[in-house]
N, C-alpha and C. Protein backbone atom coordinates (compact mmCIF):
# COMPACT_ATOMS: atom_id res chain seq x y z
N MET A 1 -5.22 97.02 103.49
CA MET A 1 -4.13 97.24 102.69
C MET A 1 -3.03 96.73 101.57
N ARG A 2 -3.37 95.23 101.20
CA ARG A 2 -2.63 94.51 99.63
C ARG A 2 -3.55 95.23 98.66
N GLU A 3 -4.98 95.27 98.99
CA GLU A 3 -5.81 95.77 97.69
C GLU A 3 -4.89 97.67 97.65
N LYS A 4 -4.36 97.87 98.24
CA LYS A 4 -4.15 99.33 98.23
C LYS A 4 -2.28 99.88 97.16
N ILE A 5 -1.66 98.03 98.28
CA ILE A 5 -1.03 98.06 96.73
C ILE A 5 -1.27 97.90 95.79
N ALA A 6 -1.68 97.30 95.62
CA ALA A 6 -1.99 96.61 94.43
C ALA A 6 -3.00 97.08 93.49
N LYS A 7 -3.65 98.36 94.11
CA LYS A 7 -4.01 99.17 93.05
C LYS A 7 -2.83 99.66 92.58
N TYR A 8 -1.69 100.45 93.94
CA TYR A 8 -1.10 101.39 92.42
C TYR A 8 0.64 100.76 92.11
N ALA A 9 -0.14 99.55 92.78
CA ALA A 9 1.18 98.97 91.69
C ALA A 9 1.09 98.48 89.85
N LYS A 10 -0.70 98.55 90.34
CA LYS A 10 -1.62 98.47 88.82
C LYS A 10 -0.86 100.09 88.08
N GLU A 11 -0.75 100.87 88.51
CA GLU A 11 -1.11 102.43 88.21
C GLU A 11 0.16 102.80 87.94
N LEU A 12 0.83 102.24 88.34
CA LEU A 12 2.30 102.42 87.59
C LEU A 12 3.15 101.98 86.85
N ILE A 13 2.67 100.30 86.75
CA ILE A 13 2.80 99.70 85.40
C ILE A 13 2.39 100.00 84.75
N LEU A 14 0.85 100.71 84.29
CA LEU A 14 0.40 100.93 82.93
C LEU A 14 0.94 102.10 83.33
N PHE A 15 1.16 103.44 83.73
CA PHE A 15 1.89 104.13 83.14
C PHE A 15 3.09 104.80 83.03
N PHE A 16 4.25 103.06 83.43
CA PHE A 16 5.15 102.72 82.66
C PHE A 16 5.64 102.74 81.47
N ILE A 17 4.01 101.71 81.17
CA ILE A 17 3.42 101.05 80.17
C ILE A 17 3.33 102.18 78.41
N ILE A 18 2.30 103.12 78.80
CA ILE A 18 2.45 103.71 79.02
C ILE A 18 2.92 105.12 78.74
N MET A 19 3.90 105.32 79.22
CA MET A 19 5.62 106.43 78.65
C MET A 19 6.19 105.67 78.16
N SER A 20 6.76 104.20 78.20
CA SER A 20 7.53 103.90 76.92
C SER A 20 6.61 103.89 76.04
N ILE A 21 5.47 103.65 75.52
CA ILE A 21 5.40 103.80 74.50
C ILE A 21 5.28 105.07 73.83
N PHE A 22 4.92 106.25 74.79
CA PHE A 22 5.19 107.89 73.86
C PHE A 22 6.56 107.39 73.60
N ALA A 23 6.75 107.28 74.99
CA ALA A 23 9.01 107.43 74.02
C ALA A 23 9.36 107.29 72.77
N ASN A 24 8.41 105.34 72.78
CA ASN A 24 8.97 105.24 71.28
C ASN A 24 7.98 105.63 70.29
N ILE A 25 7.85 106.38 70.60
CA ILE A 25 6.31 107.03 69.09
C ILE A 25 7.18 108.61 69.14
N LEU A 26 7.50 109.44 69.82
CA LEU A 26 8.44 110.67 69.67
C LEU A 26 9.74 109.91 69.12
N SER A 27 10.62 108.82 69.73
CA SER A 27 11.97 108.34 69.26
C SER A 27 11.82 108.31 67.77
N PHE A 28 10.79 107.89 67.17
CA PHE A 28 10.72 107.37 65.70
C PHE A 28 10.29 108.17 65.13
N TYR A 29 9.57 109.28 65.58
CA TYR A 29 9.15 110.40 64.60
C TYR A 29 10.53 111.79 64.93
N LYS A 30 11.12 111.54 65.70
CA LYS A 30 12.02 112.70 65.25
C LYS A 30 13.12 111.84 64.75
N SER A 31 13.64 109.66 64.70
CA SER A 31 14.80 109.26 63.98
C SER A 31 13.63 110.11 62.45
N SER A 32 12.77 109.94 61.80
CA SER A 32 11.73 109.77 60.52
C SER A 32 13.01 110.45 59.60
N ASP A 33 13.52 111.61 59.99
CA ASP A 33 14.01 112.72 59.20
C ASP A 33 16.53 112.43 59.31
N LEU A 34 16.28 110.53 59.84
CA LEU A 34 17.19 110.81 58.99
C LEU A 34 18.06 109.97 58.31
N ASN A 35 18.75 109.78 57.29
CA ASN A 35 19.55 109.60 56.01
C ASN A 35 19.76 108.52 56.27
N LYS A 36 18.61 107.76 55.27
CA LYS A 36 18.73 105.65 55.51
C LYS A 36 19.21 105.43 54.58
N ASP A 37 20.01 106.43 53.78
CA ASP A 37 21.33 105.58 53.15
C ASP A 37 22.15 104.41 53.66
N LYS A 38 22.58 103.77 53.02
CA LYS A 38 23.80 102.77 53.40
C LYS A 38 25.03 102.82 54.09
N LEU A 39 25.42 102.10 55.15
CA LEU A 39 26.47 102.92 55.67
C LEU A 39 27.85 102.76 54.90
N ASN A 40 28.20 104.22 54.78
CA ASN A 40 29.36 104.07 53.31
C ASN A 40 30.78 104.06 53.89
N LEU A 41 31.11 103.75 55.44
CA LEU A 41 32.70 104.82 55.58
C LEU A 41 32.81 103.14 55.85
N SER A 42 34.61 103.47 55.78
CA SER A 42 35.08 101.94 55.30
C SER A 42 36.03 102.69 57.09
N SER A 43 38.10 103.42 56.33
CA SER A 43 38.30 103.68 56.64
C SER A 43 38.31 105.45 57.40
N VAL A 44 38.53 105.41 58.82
CA VAL A 44 38.26 106.58 59.45
C VAL A 44 39.58 107.08 60.43
N THR A 45 39.37 108.66 60.89
CA THR A 45 40.15 108.49 61.84
C THR A 45 39.72 109.12 63.01
N LEU A 46 40.20 108.55 64.14
CA LEU A 46 39.36 109.39 65.07
C LEU A 46 39.95 110.10 66.02
N LEU A 47 40.60 109.95 67.46
CA LEU A 47 40.47 110.81 68.03
C LEU A 47 42.00 110.63 67.91
N ASN A 48 42.79 111.68 68.46
CA ASN A 48 44.27 111.97 67.82
C ASN A 48 45.17 110.69 66.97
N ASN A 49 44.48 110.84 65.55
CA ASN A 49 44.31 110.74 63.84
C ASN A 49 45.36 109.69 64.36
N GLN A 50 44.30 108.81 64.98
CA GLN A 50 44.12 106.92 64.95
C GLN A 50 43.43 106.79 63.65
N SER A 51 43.92 105.74 62.39
CA SER A 51 43.20 105.46 61.68
C SER A 51 42.40 103.76 62.61
N TYR A 52 41.08 103.93 61.78
CA TYR A 52 40.11 102.96 62.03
C TYR A 52 39.41 102.52 60.52
N THR A 53 39.21 101.26 60.40
CA THR A 53 39.05 100.50 59.58
C THR A 53 37.26 100.26 60.02
N LEU A 54 36.46 100.41 59.95
CA LEU A 54 35.59 99.51 60.65
C LEU A 54 35.20 98.38 59.93
N PRO A 55 34.63 96.84 60.36
CA PRO A 55 35.11 95.96 60.58
C PRO A 55 34.58 95.47 59.46
N LYS A 56 33.65 94.79 58.48
CA LYS A 56 33.30 93.99 57.28
C LYS A 56 31.78 93.19 57.43
N ASN A 57 30.48 93.09 57.45
CA ASN A 57 30.31 92.02 57.67
C ASN A 57 30.19 91.86 59.05
N GLU A 58 29.48 92.54 59.72
CA GLU A 58 29.47 93.05 61.44
C GLU A 58 28.18 93.76 61.14
N PRO A 59 28.17 94.13 62.40
CA PRO A 59 27.13 95.27 62.15
C PRO A 59 27.73 96.04 63.66
N ILE A 60 26.77 97.29 63.23
CA ILE A 60 28.13 98.42 63.77
C ILE A 60 26.30 99.39 64.35
N ILE A 61 27.24 99.96 66.02
CA ILE A 61 26.91 101.11 66.40
C ILE A 61 27.04 102.01 65.83
N ILE A 62 26.88 103.10 64.77
CA ILE A 62 26.71 104.55 64.92
C ILE A 62 26.16 105.55 66.14
N TYR A 63 26.92 106.18 66.97
CA TYR A 63 26.19 107.39 68.24
C TYR A 63 26.81 108.91 68.05
N PHE A 64 25.25 109.26 67.50
CA PHE A 64 26.55 110.66 67.37
C PHE A 64 25.76 110.93 69.12
N TRP A 65 27.72 112.17 69.11
CA TRP A 65 26.57 112.64 70.72
C TRP A 65 28.00 114.05 70.87
N GLY A 66 27.77 114.49 72.17
CA GLY A 66 28.93 115.49 72.52
C GLY A 66 29.03 115.70 74.23
N ILE A 67 29.86 116.89 74.67
CA ILE A 67 29.87 116.44 75.75
C ILE A 67 28.91 117.65 76.67
N TRP A 68 28.42 118.81 75.18
CA TRP A 68 27.44 119.40 75.99
C TRP A 68 26.43 119.20 75.88
N CYS A 69 25.57 117.64 75.75
CA CYS A 69 24.67 116.82 75.65
C CYS A 69 24.04 116.22 77.16
N PRO A 70 23.71 117.37 77.69
CA PRO A 70 22.80 116.28 79.40
C PRO A 70 22.83 115.19 78.96
N ILE A 71 22.02 114.74 78.11
CA ILE A 71 21.53 113.31 78.24
C ILE A 71 22.55 112.25 76.95
N CYS A 72 23.15 112.61 77.09
CA CYS A 72 24.55 112.49 76.76
C CYS A 72 24.97 111.57 77.39
N LYS A 73 25.44 112.16 78.49
CA LYS A 73 26.32 112.28 79.74
C LYS A 73 25.52 111.09 80.60
N VAL A 74 23.91 110.95 80.35
CA VAL A 74 24.13 109.22 80.92
C VAL A 74 23.87 108.27 79.82
N GLN A 75 23.29 108.30 78.90
CA GLN A 75 23.64 107.48 77.76
C GLN A 75 24.62 106.29 77.76
N SER A 76 26.32 107.68 77.55
CA SER A 76 27.75 107.49 76.93
C SER A 76 27.41 106.75 78.01
N PRO A 77 27.59 105.61 78.62
CA PRO A 77 27.43 105.11 79.86
C PRO A 77 27.17 103.70 79.31
N ASN A 78 25.50 102.94 78.50
CA ASN A 78 25.28 102.26 78.26
C ASN A 78 26.02 102.04 76.77
N ILE A 79 26.48 103.22 76.30
CA ILE A 79 27.22 103.14 75.13
C ILE A 79 28.50 102.42 75.28
N GLU A 80 29.13 102.68 75.74
CA GLU A 80 30.59 102.15 76.96
C GLU A 80 30.21 100.34 77.32
N LYS A 81 29.44 100.32 77.70
CA LYS A 81 29.07 99.39 78.42
C LYS A 81 29.09 97.90 77.08
N ILE A 82 27.77 98.72 75.85
CA ILE A 82 27.67 97.60 74.59
C ILE A 82 29.01 97.73 73.74
N SER A 83 29.96 98.80 73.90
CA SER A 83 30.84 98.59 73.31
C SER A 83 31.48 97.33 73.34
N LYS A 84 31.37 96.65 74.50
CA LYS A 84 32.60 95.63 75.01
C LYS A 84 31.95 94.72 74.13
N SER A 85 31.21 94.60 74.19
CA SER A 85 30.08 93.01 72.98
C SER A 85 30.01 93.08 71.60
N PHE A 86 30.60 95.09 71.16
CA PHE A 86 29.85 95.53 69.22
C PHE A 86 30.17 96.09 69.01
N ASN A 87 30.96 95.40 68.18
CA ASN A 87 31.54 97.30 67.08
C ASN A 87 30.16 98.53 67.32
N VAL A 88 31.20 99.40 67.90
CA VAL A 88 30.45 100.71 67.89
C VAL A 88 31.39 101.66 67.88
N LEU A 89 30.82 103.01 66.42
CA LEU A 89 32.20 104.00 66.39
C LEU A 89 30.99 104.94 67.30
N SER A 90 31.73 106.68 67.30
CA SER A 90 30.82 107.32 67.39
C SER A 90 31.14 108.81 67.33
N ILE A 91 30.62 109.50 67.35
CA ILE A 91 31.05 110.65 66.01
C ILE A 91 30.69 111.67 67.26
N ALA A 92 31.61 112.79 67.88
CA ALA A 92 31.84 114.11 68.22
C ALA A 92 31.78 114.68 67.86
N LEU A 93 30.27 115.80 68.39
CA LEU A 93 29.59 116.80 67.45
C LEU A 93 29.76 118.12 68.26
N ASN A 94 30.57 119.66 67.69
CA ASN A 94 31.34 120.19 68.67
C ASN A 94 31.35 120.42 69.92
N SER A 95 32.49 119.09 70.24
CA SER A 95 33.14 119.24 71.11
C SER A 95 34.69 119.41 71.68
N GLY A 96 34.57 120.69 71.09
CA GLY A 96 35.81 120.96 70.99
C GLY A 96 37.22 120.13 70.30
N ASN A 97 38.32 120.42 70.56
CA ASN A 97 39.66 119.67 69.95
C ASN A 97 40.05 118.26 70.70
N ASP A 98 40.12 117.47 70.04
CA ASP A 98 40.68 115.89 70.50
C ASP A 98 41.04 115.94 72.18
N GLU A 99 41.82 116.84 72.35
CA GLU A 99 42.27 116.54 74.10
C GLU A 99 41.31 116.99 74.62
N SER A 100 40.01 117.82 74.30
CA SER A 100 39.26 118.15 75.28
C SER A 100 37.83 117.22 75.19
N ILE A 101 38.38 116.23 74.08
CA ILE A 101 37.35 115.68 73.71
C ILE A 101 37.69 114.09 74.70
N SER A 102 39.14 113.65 74.85
CA SER A 102 39.90 112.96 75.70
C SER A 102 39.56 112.68 76.31
N GLU A 103 39.83 114.14 77.15
CA GLU A 103 39.63 114.65 78.67
C GLU A 103 38.10 113.83 79.15
N TYR A 104 37.53 114.82 78.30
CA TYR A 104 35.67 113.67 79.19
C TYR A 104 36.24 112.92 79.28
N LEU A 105 36.58 111.93 78.23
CA LEU A 105 36.26 110.43 77.96
C LEU A 105 37.35 109.58 79.23
N ASN A 106 38.21 110.85 78.95
CA ASN A 106 38.65 109.88 80.58
C ASN A 106 38.29 110.25 82.18
N SER A 107 37.97 111.69 81.70
CA SER A 107 37.33 111.10 83.99
C SER A 107 36.14 110.55 83.55
N ARG A 108 35.20 110.70 82.63
CA ARG A 108 34.29 108.93 82.57
C ARG A 108 34.18 107.72 82.57
N ASP A 109 35.78 107.49 82.15
CA ASP A 109 36.11 106.17 82.12
C ASP A 109 35.18 105.06 81.17
N LEU A 110 35.00 106.13 80.15
CA LEU A 110 34.36 105.46 78.53
C LEU A 110 35.48 105.32 77.74
N HIS A 111 35.92 104.22 76.39
CA HIS A 111 36.65 104.04 76.18
C HIS A 111 36.12 103.54 74.41
N PHE A 112 34.80 103.85 74.30
CA PHE A 112 34.25 104.09 73.39
C PHE A 112 35.28 104.03 72.09
N LYS A 113 35.38 103.88 70.72
CA LYS A 113 35.67 104.95 69.35
C LYS A 113 35.29 105.98 69.21
N VAL A 114 35.77 107.50 68.94
CA VAL A 114 35.43 108.81 68.60
C VAL A 114 36.07 109.24 67.47
N ILE A 115 35.21 109.75 66.64
CA ILE A 115 35.26 110.80 65.49
C ILE A 115 35.27 112.09 65.62
N ASN A 116 36.51 113.31 66.12
CA ASN A 116 35.76 114.21 66.43
C ASN A 116 34.62 114.91 64.82
N ASP A 117 34.23 115.37 65.21
CA ASP A 117 33.37 115.67 64.01
C ASP A 117 33.13 117.47 64.40
N THR A 118 34.23 118.18 63.84
CA THR A 118 34.32 119.12 64.30
C THR A 118 33.71 120.58 63.55
N ASN A 119 33.45 120.03 62.04
CA ASN A 119 32.69 120.77 60.29
C ASN A 119 31.51 120.33 61.13
N GLY A 120 30.78 119.76 61.78
CA GLY A 120 29.79 118.40 61.65
C GLY A 120 29.69 118.08 60.02
N ILE A 121 30.73 117.66 59.42
CA ILE A 121 30.35 117.13 58.18
C ILE A 121 29.57 115.71 58.43
N LEU A 122 29.79 114.63 59.21
CA LEU A 122 29.71 113.53 58.64
C LEU A 122 27.48 113.22 59.68
N THR A 123 27.97 114.53 61.09
CA THR A 123 26.43 114.44 61.36
C THR A 123 26.05 114.95 60.81
N ASN A 124 25.45 116.16 59.72
CA ASN A 124 24.86 116.53 58.19
C ASN A 124 24.75 115.18 57.36
N LYS A 125 26.25 114.38 56.99
CA LYS A 125 26.03 113.29 56.31
C LYS A 125 24.44 112.95 56.87
N TYR A 126 24.40 112.05 57.53
CA TYR A 126 23.31 111.41 58.54
C TYR A 126 21.87 112.12 58.64
N ASN A 127 21.76 113.40 58.39
CA ASN A 127 20.83 114.40 58.57
C ASN A 127 20.87 114.61 60.32
N VAL A 128 21.31 114.12 61.47
CA VAL A 128 21.04 114.25 62.81
C VAL A 128 21.14 115.59 63.81
N THR A 129 19.80 115.67 63.43
CA THR A 129 19.80 117.79 64.61
C THR A 129 19.43 117.13 66.45
N VAL A 130 19.41 115.96 66.54
CA VAL A 130 18.64 115.68 67.67
C VAL A 130 19.93 115.22 68.41
N PHE A 131 20.34 115.55 69.38
CA PHE A 131 21.40 114.90 70.19
C PHE A 131 21.14 113.91 72.18
N PRO A 132 21.19 112.57 72.27
CA PRO A 132 22.30 112.15 70.85
C PRO A 132 21.36 110.58 69.94
N THR A 133 21.32 110.52 69.37
CA THR A 133 20.67 109.62 68.28
C THR A 133 21.96 108.56 67.72
N THR A 134 21.21 107.51 68.32
CA THR A 134 21.79 106.66 67.89
C THR A 134 21.26 105.58 66.80
N ILE A 135 22.42 105.04 65.58
CA ILE A 135 21.85 103.57 64.43
C ILE A 135 23.02 102.95 64.64
N ILE A 136 21.84 101.64 64.34
CA ILE A 136 22.15 100.58 64.16
C ILE A 136 22.08 100.15 62.34
N PHE A 137 23.21 99.54 62.67
CA PHE A 137 23.96 98.86 60.82
C PHE A 137 23.65 97.57 61.05
N ASP A 138 23.29 97.11 60.58
CA ASP A 138 23.59 95.19 59.77
C ASP A 138 24.58 95.47 59.05
N LYS A 139 25.18 93.53 59.35
CA LYS A 139 26.07 93.24 58.36
C LYS A 139 26.98 93.40 57.20
N ASP A 140 25.07 93.66 56.22
CA ASP A 140 25.49 94.94 54.92
C ASP A 140 25.15 96.22 54.94
N GLY A 141 25.29 97.20 56.10
CA GLY A 141 25.76 98.41 56.18
C GLY A 141 24.10 98.37 55.96
N ASN A 142 22.62 98.45 55.92
CA ASN A 142 21.94 98.61 56.11
C ASN A 142 21.42 98.83 57.63
N GLU A 143 20.56 100.55 57.69
CA GLU A 143 19.88 101.13 58.54
C GLU A 143 19.11 100.09 59.35
N ILE A 144 19.30 99.42 60.15
CA ILE A 144 18.02 99.16 60.96
C ILE A 144 16.91 99.74 61.81
N PHE A 145 17.62 99.70 62.09
CA PHE A 145 16.91 100.90 63.81
C PHE A 145 18.08 102.23 64.14
N SER A 146 17.22 103.17 64.45
CA SER A 146 17.56 104.20 64.74
C SER A 146 16.39 104.76 65.91
N ASP A 147 17.54 106.04 66.71
CA ASP A 147 16.92 105.77 67.88
C ASP A 147 17.83 107.04 68.44
N VAL A 148 16.28 108.11 68.59
CA VAL A 148 17.16 109.56 69.39
C VAL A 148 16.25 109.07 70.83
N GLY A 149 18.11 109.68 71.52
CA GLY A 149 16.85 109.65 73.02
C GLY A 149 18.04 109.02 73.67
N TYR A 150 17.29 108.51 74.68
CA TYR A 150 18.60 107.78 76.05
C TYR A 150 17.76 106.72 75.23
N SER A 151 18.54 105.35 75.34
CA SER A 151 18.55 103.87 75.00
C SER A 151 19.10 103.17 76.36
N THR A 152 18.07 102.38 76.16
CA THR A 152 18.99 101.13 77.59
C THR A 152 20.39 99.90 77.21
N THR A 153 20.63 100.16 77.98
CA THR A 153 22.27 99.15 77.85
C THR A 153 21.29 97.40 76.98
N PHE A 154 20.69 97.44 78.22
CA PHE A 154 19.27 96.27 77.35
C PHE A 154 18.76 95.69 75.90
N GLY A 155 18.26 97.48 76.25
CA GLY A 155 17.49 97.31 74.65
C GLY A 155 18.51 97.76 73.04
N LEU A 156 19.67 98.54 73.53
CA LEU A 156 20.82 98.62 72.57
C LEU A 156 21.83 96.63 72.43
N TRP A 157 21.28 96.40 73.34
CA TRP A 157 22.03 94.64 72.91
C TRP A 157 21.46 94.00 72.91
N ILE A 158 20.27 93.86 72.58
CA ILE A 158 19.00 93.09 71.84
C ILE A 158 18.28 93.38 70.38
N ARG A 159 19.19 94.84 70.07
CA ARG A 159 19.28 95.53 68.96
C ARG A 159 20.31 95.30 68.01
N MET A 160 21.44 94.69 68.81
CA MET A 160 22.55 94.26 68.01
C MET A 160 22.25 93.59 67.91
N TRP A 161 21.44 92.80 68.37
CA TRP A 161 21.58 91.03 68.40
C TRP A 161 21.13 90.65 67.38
N TRP A 162 19.69 91.63 66.97
CA TRP A 162 18.92 91.21 65.96
C TRP A 162 19.48 91.47 64.77
N ALA A 163 20.56 92.97 65.10
CA ALA A 163 21.35 93.42 63.70
C ALA A 163 22.38 92.08 63.19
N ALA A 164 22.73 91.58 64.20
CA ALA A 164 23.46 89.83 64.15
C ALA A 164 23.15 89.29 63.20
N LEU A 165 21.83 88.57 63.17
CA LEU A 165 21.52 87.37 62.83
C LEU A 165 21.13 87.80 61.38
């Protein structure tokens, strides 16, 4: 019986390793078209016309998402958790007016900073075509990580820790 369990455990571990490798390759392929320019946002307007100045000399996550995106619904709680320890700015595309986005955030207990990109200007600037997309910039504004699709809280935390070095 133990041999059977050990065999299935090995197969399960191998399956997860292969799936992780495949997911990373797929994410790398999908993110290869992103704009690799330095982050050149300094002051932005958040929901409900709140002004926000991005911190200087600190890493930041830029999170592109939409209320219509099913994977974003799973990813956004991870972004919420990481926003308690690191700088996060999110950009919501085609998600309605500020009130609709605020209602969505409140219903899910999400409090990260949000820009309503109604016309897709910022989304196009960074060549984002797949959602969710997460871009991590280091303290000098250089893009050092980008991810398309789901990211774990731990994975985001490790990348932000690396970006702060």
